[in-house]
Amino acid sequence: MQFKLLFTVIINSSDANGQSLYFNTLYETACKEGQNKWQDIGNVLNLAAADLTAIAKKHRDDPGDCFREMLNKWFQSNEECRFKDFITALKSKNVQLGHLVPQVKRDISARAKEIDDLEKKAKRKRLSGHKHQGTLSQ
């Protein structure tokens, strides 16, 4: 996937079963180093201060859980969470995790390609099913 297209990826997209398509990839790639900056990332992503405070209280001793819940809150609070917004947050002055950007881009790009391939495969299967049904009804 080209970089310009990758930047437009809606990372809180879900499949037909309501499962997030990108959450685990984003979490696994950014959490290890980003977990101690989860509040700063949440601020840049415009999460409410009250939400960030509630997350901090709920997961006092586990920044990884705070990071996970911050991402969940961002995904739930916005109709469209764009990949470029997360990248902007990582690069921001308060977060300073720009060195993670290349790996996050690679991982999200690979996941986007995987999703695209699955969608193409499902479409081919549907089309071949329609052709097969047409031959049976004749």
N, C-alpha and C. Protein backbone atom coordinates (compact mmCIF):
# COMPACT_ATOMS: atom_id res chain seq x y z
N MET A 1 0.85 -1.17 0.00
CA MET A 1 0.00 0.00 0.00
C MET A 1 0.89 1.23 0.00
N GLN A 2 0.60 2.16 -0.86
CA GLN A 2 1.38 3.38 -0.95
C GLN A 2 1.18 4.22 0.30
N PHE A 3 2.22 5.02 0.63
CA PHE A 3 2.19 5.82 1.84
C PHE A 3 1.00 6.77 1.89
N LYS A 4 0.68 7.45 0.78
CA LYS A 4 -0.44 8.39 0.78
C LYS A 4 -1.75 7.67 1.10
N LEU A 5 -1.93 6.48 0.55
CA LEU A 5 -3.14 5.71 0.86
C LEU A 5 -3.14 5.24 2.30
N LEU A 6 -1.99 4.84 2.80
CA LEU A 6 -1.87 4.37 4.17
C LEU A 6 -2.29 5.46 5.14
N PHE A 7 -1.93 6.70 4.85
CA PHE A 7 -2.26 7.80 5.73
C PHE A 7 -3.77 8.00 5.86
N THR A 8 -4.55 7.54 4.88
CA THR A 8 -5.99 7.72 4.92
C THR A 8 -6.72 6.54 5.57
N VAL A 9 -5.98 5.52 5.99
CA VAL A 9 -6.60 4.35 6.60
C VAL A 9 -7.36 4.76 7.86
N ILE A 10 -8.59 4.28 7.94
CA ILE A 10 -9.42 4.49 9.13
C ILE A 10 -9.09 3.33 10.06
N ILE A 11 -8.31 3.60 11.10
CA ILE A 11 -7.80 2.49 11.91
C ILE A 11 -8.78 1.97 12.95
N ASN A 12 -9.94 2.59 13.06
CA ASN A 12 -10.94 2.00 13.94
C ASN A 12 -12.02 1.29 13.13
N SER A 13 -11.68 0.88 11.92
CA SER A 13 -12.59 0.09 11.08
C SER A 13 -12.82 -1.27 11.72
N SER A 14 -14.00 -1.82 11.50
CA SER A 14 -14.35 -3.13 12.04
C SER A 14 -14.80 -4.05 10.93
N ASP A 15 -14.69 -5.35 11.19
CA ASP A 15 -15.19 -6.33 10.22
C ASP A 15 -16.69 -6.53 10.43
N ALA A 16 -17.26 -7.46 9.70
CA ALA A 16 -18.71 -7.71 9.76
C ALA A 16 -19.15 -8.16 11.15
N ASN A 17 -18.22 -8.72 11.93
CA ASN A 17 -18.54 -9.19 13.29
C ASN A 17 -18.27 -8.13 14.35
N GLY A 18 -17.89 -6.93 13.91
CA GLY A 18 -17.62 -5.86 14.86
C GLY A 18 -16.23 -5.90 15.47
N GLN A 19 -15.35 -6.76 14.96
CA GLN A 19 -13.98 -6.85 15.47
C GLN A 19 -13.11 -5.79 14.81
N SER A 20 -12.33 -5.10 15.60
CA SER A 20 -11.45 -4.07 15.07
C SER A 20 -10.42 -4.70 14.14
N LEU A 21 -10.22 -4.06 13.00
CA LEU A 21 -9.29 -4.59 12.01
C LEU A 21 -7.84 -4.22 12.29
N TYR A 22 -7.62 -3.12 13.01
CA TYR A 22 -6.26 -2.62 13.19
C TYR A 22 -5.82 -2.49 14.65
N PHE A 23 -6.72 -2.63 15.59
CA PHE A 23 -6.39 -2.34 16.99
C PHE A 23 -5.19 -3.14 17.48
N ASN A 24 -5.23 -4.45 17.33
CA ASN A 24 -4.15 -5.28 17.86
C ASN A 24 -2.81 -4.94 17.23
N THR A 25 -2.81 -4.68 15.93
CA THR A 25 -1.56 -4.32 15.26
C THR A 25 -1.00 -3.03 15.82
N LEU A 26 -1.86 -2.04 15.97
CA LEU A 26 -1.42 -0.75 16.49
C LEU A 26 -0.94 -0.90 17.93
N TYR A 27 -1.69 -1.63 18.73
CA TYR A 27 -1.33 -1.81 20.14
C TYR A 27 0.02 -2.53 20.26
N GLU A 28 0.16 -3.63 19.55
CA GLU A 28 1.38 -4.44 19.67
C GLU A 28 2.61 -3.68 19.18
N THR A 29 2.45 -2.86 18.17
CA THR A 29 3.59 -2.13 17.62
C THR A 29 4.00 -0.96 18.50
N ALA A 30 3.04 -0.25 19.05
CA ALA A 30 3.36 1.00 19.74
C ALA A 30 3.37 0.91 21.27
N CYS A 31 2.79 -0.12 21.84
CA CYS A 31 2.61 -0.14 23.29
C CYS A 31 3.92 -0.24 24.06
N LYS A 32 4.82 -1.09 23.64
CA LYS A 32 6.03 -1.33 24.42
C LYS A 32 6.75 -0.02 24.78
N GLU A 33 6.96 0.82 23.79
CA GLU A 33 7.64 2.09 24.06
C GLU A 33 6.65 3.21 24.37
N GLY A 34 5.45 3.10 23.86
CA GLY A 34 4.48 4.17 24.02
C GLY A 34 3.68 4.13 25.30
N GLN A 35 3.75 3.01 26.02
CA GLN A 35 2.88 2.87 27.18
C GLN A 35 3.13 3.92 28.26
N ASN A 36 4.36 4.36 28.41
CA ASN A 36 4.64 5.37 29.42
C ASN A 36 4.27 6.78 28.97
N LYS A 37 3.88 6.90 27.71
CA LYS A 37 3.46 8.19 27.16
C LYS A 37 1.97 8.17 26.81
N TRP A 38 1.24 7.20 27.33
CA TRP A 38 -0.15 7.01 26.91
C TRP A 38 -1.00 8.26 27.16
N GLN A 39 -0.78 8.96 28.29
CA GLN A 39 -1.59 10.16 28.56
C GLN A 39 -1.27 11.27 27.58
N ASP A 40 0.00 11.44 27.27
CA ASP A 40 0.39 12.46 26.29
C ASP A 40 -0.20 12.15 24.92
N ILE A 41 -0.15 10.87 24.54
CA ILE A 41 -0.76 10.47 23.26
C ILE A 41 -2.25 10.74 23.28
N GLY A 42 -2.91 10.37 24.38
CA GLY A 42 -4.35 10.63 24.53
C GLY A 42 -4.69 12.10 24.43
N ASN A 43 -3.85 12.95 25.02
CA ASN A 43 -4.08 14.40 24.93
C ASN A 43 -3.99 14.88 23.49
N VAL A 44 -2.97 14.42 22.76
CA VAL A 44 -2.80 14.84 21.37
C VAL A 44 -3.97 14.33 20.52
N LEU A 45 -4.51 13.16 20.88
CA LEU A 45 -5.66 12.61 20.15
C LEU A 45 -6.98 13.22 20.61
N ASN A 46 -6.89 14.24 21.44
CA ASN A 46 -8.06 15.01 21.90
C ASN A 46 -9.04 14.21 22.76
N LEU A 47 -8.52 13.27 23.54
CA LEU A 47 -9.39 12.59 24.49
C LEU A 47 -9.64 13.52 25.67
N ALA A 48 -10.81 13.42 26.25
CA ALA A 48 -11.17 14.29 27.37
C ALA A 48 -10.29 14.00 28.58
N ALA A 49 -9.91 15.07 29.28
CA ALA A 49 -9.07 14.93 30.47
C ALA A 49 -9.73 14.00 31.49
N ALA A 50 -11.05 14.09 31.62
CA ALA A 50 -11.77 13.23 32.57
C ALA A 50 -11.62 11.76 32.19
N ASP A 51 -11.64 11.46 30.89
CA ASP A 51 -11.47 10.07 30.45
C ASP A 51 -10.06 9.58 30.77
N LEU A 52 -9.07 10.41 30.55
CA LEU A 52 -7.69 10.02 30.83
C LEU A 52 -7.48 9.82 32.34
N THR A 53 -8.10 10.66 33.13
CA THR A 53 -8.01 10.52 34.59
C THR A 53 -8.67 9.22 35.04
N ALA A 54 -9.83 8.90 34.47
CA ALA A 54 -10.53 7.66 34.82
C ALA A 54 -9.69 6.44 34.44
N ILE A 55 -9.04 6.50 33.29
CA ILE A 55 -8.18 5.39 32.86
C ILE A 55 -7.01 5.23 33.83
N ALA A 56 -6.40 6.34 34.21
CA ALA A 56 -5.26 6.30 35.14
C ALA A 56 -5.67 5.70 36.48
N LYS A 57 -6.85 6.06 36.97
CA LYS A 57 -7.32 5.52 38.25
C LYS A 57 -7.62 4.02 38.15
N LYS A 58 -8.22 3.64 37.04
CA LYS A 58 -8.62 2.24 36.86
C LYS A 58 -7.41 1.31 36.72
N HIS A 59 -6.37 1.78 36.07
CA HIS A 59 -5.20 0.93 35.78
C HIS A 59 -3.93 1.53 36.38
N ARG A 60 -4.01 1.92 37.62
CA ARG A 60 -2.92 2.62 38.30
C ARG A 60 -1.51 2.06 38.04
N ASP A 61 -1.37 0.78 38.18
CA ASP A 61 -0.03 0.19 38.16
C ASP A 61 0.33 -0.48 36.84
N ASP A 62 -0.46 -0.26 35.81
CA ASP A 62 -0.18 -0.95 34.55
C ASP A 62 -0.31 0.00 33.36
N PRO A 63 0.81 0.61 32.95
CA PRO A 63 0.74 1.55 31.82
C PRO A 63 0.33 0.87 30.51
N GLY A 64 0.61 -0.43 30.38
CA GLY A 64 0.19 -1.15 29.18
C GLY A 64 -1.32 -1.21 29.08
N ASP A 65 -1.98 -1.47 30.21
CA ASP A 65 -3.45 -1.47 30.23
C ASP A 65 -4.00 -0.07 29.99
N CYS A 66 -3.31 0.93 30.54
CA CYS A 66 -3.72 2.32 30.30
C CYS A 66 -3.64 2.64 28.81
N PHE A 67 -2.55 2.22 28.18
CA PHE A 67 -2.37 2.46 26.74
C PHE A 67 -3.49 1.78 25.95
N ARG A 68 -3.77 0.53 26.29
CA ARG A 68 -4.83 -0.23 25.60
C ARG A 68 -6.18 0.48 25.75
N GLU A 69 -6.50 0.88 26.97
CA GLU A 69 -7.79 1.52 27.19
C GLU A 69 -7.86 2.91 26.54
N MET A 70 -6.74 3.62 26.52
CA MET A 70 -6.70 4.92 25.84
C MET A 70 -7.00 4.73 24.35
N LEU A 71 -6.38 3.72 23.73
CA LEU A 71 -6.67 3.44 22.31
C LEU A 71 -8.14 3.07 22.12
N ASN A 72 -8.64 2.21 22.99
CA ASN A 72 -10.06 1.82 22.90
C ASN A 72 -10.96 3.05 22.99
N LYS A 73 -10.66 3.93 23.94
CA LYS A 73 -11.48 5.14 24.12
C LYS A 73 -11.42 6.02 22.87
N TRP A 74 -10.24 6.14 22.29
CA TRP A 74 -10.10 6.94 21.07
C TRP A 74 -10.92 6.32 19.94
N PHE A 75 -10.82 5.01 19.79
CA PHE A 75 -11.58 4.31 18.75
C PHE A 75 -13.08 4.49 18.96
N GLN A 76 -13.54 4.40 20.21
CA GLN A 76 -14.97 4.48 20.50
C GLN A 76 -15.50 5.91 20.41
N SER A 77 -14.64 6.88 20.68
CA SER A 77 -15.06 8.28 20.74
C SER A 77 -15.14 8.95 19.38
N ASN A 78 -14.63 8.30 18.36
CA ASN A 78 -14.56 8.93 17.05
C ASN A 78 -15.15 8.01 15.99
N GLU A 79 -15.88 8.62 15.09
CA GLU A 79 -16.43 7.84 13.99
C GLU A 79 -15.30 7.32 13.10
N GLU A 80 -14.30 8.17 12.89
CA GLU A 80 -13.17 7.78 12.05
C GLU A 80 -11.86 8.19 12.71
N CYS A 81 -11.10 7.20 13.13
CA CYS A 81 -9.75 7.46 13.66
C CYS A 81 -8.78 7.24 12.52
N ARG A 82 -8.13 8.28 12.12
CA ARG A 82 -7.22 8.18 10.98
C ARG A 82 -5.80 7.87 11.44
N PHE A 83 -5.16 7.04 10.63
CA PHE A 83 -3.79 6.63 10.91
C PHE A 83 -2.88 7.85 11.05
N LYS A 84 -3.10 8.85 10.20
CA LYS A 84 -2.24 10.04 10.22
C LYS A 84 -2.32 10.75 11.57
N ASP A 85 -3.48 10.69 12.23
CA ASP A 85 -3.62 11.34 13.53
C ASP A 85 -2.77 10.64 14.60
N PHE A 86 -2.71 9.31 14.52
CA PHE A 86 -1.89 8.57 15.47
C PHE A 86 -0.41 8.88 15.22
N ILE A 87 -0.02 8.95 13.96
CA ILE A 87 1.37 9.27 13.61
C ILE A 87 1.71 10.68 14.12
N THR A 88 0.80 11.61 13.95
CA THR A 88 1.01 12.97 14.45
C THR A 88 1.21 12.95 15.96
N ALA A 89 0.42 12.14 16.65
CA ALA A 89 0.55 12.05 18.11
C ALA A 89 1.93 11.51 18.49
N LEU A 90 2.39 10.48 17.80
CA LEU A 90 3.71 9.92 18.12
C LEU A 90 4.82 10.94 17.91
N LYS A 91 4.67 11.76 16.88
CA LYS A 91 5.71 12.75 16.54
C LYS A 91 5.61 14.03 17.37
N SER A 92 4.54 14.20 18.10
CA SER A 92 4.30 15.47 18.79
C SER A 92 5.39 15.79 19.81
N LYS A 93 5.50 17.06 20.13
CA LYS A 93 6.53 17.57 21.04
C LYS A 93 6.45 16.90 22.42
N ASN A 94 5.25 16.68 22.92
CA ASN A 94 5.08 16.09 24.24
C ASN A 94 5.32 14.59 24.27
N VAL A 95 5.13 13.92 23.14
CA VAL A 95 5.26 12.46 23.09
C VAL A 95 6.68 12.05 22.68
N GLN A 96 7.18 12.62 21.60
CA GLN A 96 8.53 12.37 21.09
C GLN A 96 8.84 10.89 20.87
N LEU A 97 7.94 10.21 20.18
CA LEU A 97 8.15 8.81 19.81
C LEU A 97 8.18 8.65 18.29
N GLY A 98 8.67 9.67 17.62
CA GLY A 98 8.74 9.62 16.16
C GLY A 98 9.55 8.46 15.62
N HIS A 99 10.49 7.95 16.42
CA HIS A 99 11.29 6.82 15.96
C HIS A 99 10.46 5.54 15.79
N LEU A 100 9.25 5.51 16.38
CA LEU A 100 8.36 4.36 16.21
C LEU A 100 7.60 4.40 14.88
N VAL A 101 7.55 5.55 14.26
CA VAL A 101 6.72 5.75 13.07
C VAL A 101 7.04 4.76 11.94
N PRO A 102 8.29 4.53 11.58
CA PRO A 102 8.55 3.58 10.48
C PRO A 102 8.00 2.17 10.76
N GLN A 103 8.18 1.69 11.98
CA GLN A 103 7.67 0.35 12.31
C GLN A 103 6.15 0.31 12.33
N VAL A 104 5.53 1.35 12.88
CA VAL A 104 4.07 1.42 12.90
C VAL A 104 3.54 1.45 11.46
N LYS A 105 4.18 2.23 10.60
CA LYS A 105 3.76 2.30 9.19
C LYS A 105 3.88 0.93 8.52
N ARG A 106 5.01 0.26 8.75
CA ARG A 106 5.20 -1.08 8.15
C ARG A 106 4.13 -2.05 8.62
N ASP A 107 3.87 -2.06 9.92
CA ASP A 107 2.91 -3.02 10.47
C ASP A 107 1.48 -2.73 10.03
N ILE A 108 1.09 -1.47 10.04
CA ILE A 108 -0.27 -1.12 9.60
C ILE A 108 -0.40 -1.37 8.10
N SER A 109 0.63 -1.07 7.33
CA SER A 109 0.61 -1.33 5.89
C SER A 109 0.45 -2.82 5.61
N ALA A 110 1.20 -3.64 6.34
CA ALA A 110 1.10 -5.09 6.16
C ALA A 110 -0.30 -5.58 6.53
N ARG A 111 -0.86 -5.04 7.59
CA ARG A 111 -2.21 -5.42 8.01
C ARG A 111 -3.24 -4.96 6.97
N ALA A 112 -3.07 -3.77 6.43
CA ALA A 112 -3.98 -3.26 5.40
C ALA A 112 -3.94 -4.14 4.16
N LYS A 113 -2.74 -4.58 3.78
CA LYS A 113 -2.61 -5.48 2.62
C LYS A 113 -3.28 -6.81 2.91
N GLU A 114 -3.09 -7.33 4.11
CA GLU A 114 -3.73 -8.59 4.50
C GLU A 114 -5.25 -8.47 4.43
N ILE A 115 -5.79 -7.37 4.92
CA ILE A 115 -7.24 -7.14 4.88
C ILE A 115 -7.71 -7.03 3.44
N ASP A 116 -6.97 -6.29 2.62
CA ASP A 116 -7.32 -6.14 1.21
C ASP A 116 -7.33 -7.49 0.50
N ASP A 117 -6.32 -8.31 0.76
CA ASP A 117 -6.25 -9.64 0.15
C ASP A 117 -7.43 -10.51 0.58
N LEU A 118 -7.80 -10.44 1.87
CA LEU A 118 -8.95 -11.22 2.36
C LEU A 118 -10.25 -10.76 1.71
N GLU A 119 -10.39 -9.43 1.55
CA GLU A 119 -11.59 -8.89 0.91
C GLU A 119 -11.67 -9.33 -0.55
N LYS A 120 -10.55 -9.31 -1.26
CA LYS A 120 -10.53 -9.75 -2.66
C LYS A 120 -10.87 -11.23 -2.76
N LYS A 121 -10.33 -12.03 -1.85
CA LYS A 121 -10.60 -13.47 -1.85
C LYS A 121 -12.09 -13.73 -1.59
N ALA A 122 -12.68 -13.02 -0.65
CA ALA A 122 -14.10 -13.17 -0.35
C ALA A 122 -14.96 -12.75 -1.54
N LYS A 123 -14.56 -11.68 -2.20
CA LYS A 123 -15.30 -11.21 -3.37
C LYS A 123 -15.25 -12.25 -4.49
N ARG A 124 -14.06 -12.81 -4.74
CA ARG A 124 -13.93 -13.85 -5.77
C ARG A 124 -14.80 -15.06 -5.42
N LYS A 125 -14.83 -15.40 -4.16
CA LYS A 125 -15.64 -16.54 -3.71
C LYS A 125 -17.12 -16.26 -3.94
N ARG A 126 -17.56 -15.04 -3.61
CA ARG A 126 -18.97 -14.67 -3.83
C ARG A 126 -19.31 -14.71 -5.31
N LEU A 127 -18.41 -14.16 -6.14
CA LEU A 127 -18.66 -14.14 -7.58
C LEU A 127 -18.69 -15.54 -8.16
N SER A 128 -17.79 -16.40 -7.73
CA SER A 128 -17.79 -17.77 -8.25
C SER A 128 -19.03 -18.53 -7.76
N GLY A 129 -19.52 -18.18 -6.58
CA GLY A 129 -20.75 -18.80 -6.06
C GLY A 129 -21.95 -18.39 -6.90
N HIS A 130 -21.99 -17.12 -7.32
CA HIS A 130 -23.09 -16.66 -8.17
C HIS A 130 -23.05 -17.33 -9.53
N LYS A 131 -21.85 -17.48 -10.09
CA LYS A 131 -21.72 -18.15 -11.38
C LYS A 131 -22.17 -19.60 -11.27
N HIS A 132 -21.76 -20.25 -10.18
CA HIS A 132 -22.12 -21.65 -9.97
C HIS A 132 -23.63 -21.80 -9.80
N GLN A 133 -24.25 -20.89 -9.04
CA GLN A 133 -25.70 -20.93 -8.85
C GLN A 133 -26.43 -20.74 -10.17
N GLY A 134 -25.90 -19.86 -11.02
CA GLY A 134 -26.51 -19.61 -12.31
C GLY A 134 -26.51 -20.84 -13.20
N THR A 135 -25.46 -21.63 -13.15
CA THR A 135 -25.39 -22.83 -13.98
C THR A 135 -26.31 -23.93 -13.44
N LEU A 136 -26.55 -23.93 -12.14
CA LEU A 136 -27.43 -24.95 -11.57
C LEU A 136 -28.90 -24.69 -11.89
N SER A 137 -29.27 -23.43 -12.02
CA SER A 137 -30.67 -23.10 -12.23
C SER A 137 -31.09 -23.21 -13.69
N GLN A 138 -30.15 -23.43 -14.58
CA GLN A 138 -30.51 -23.50 -16.01
C GLN A 138 -31.03 -24.85 -16.39
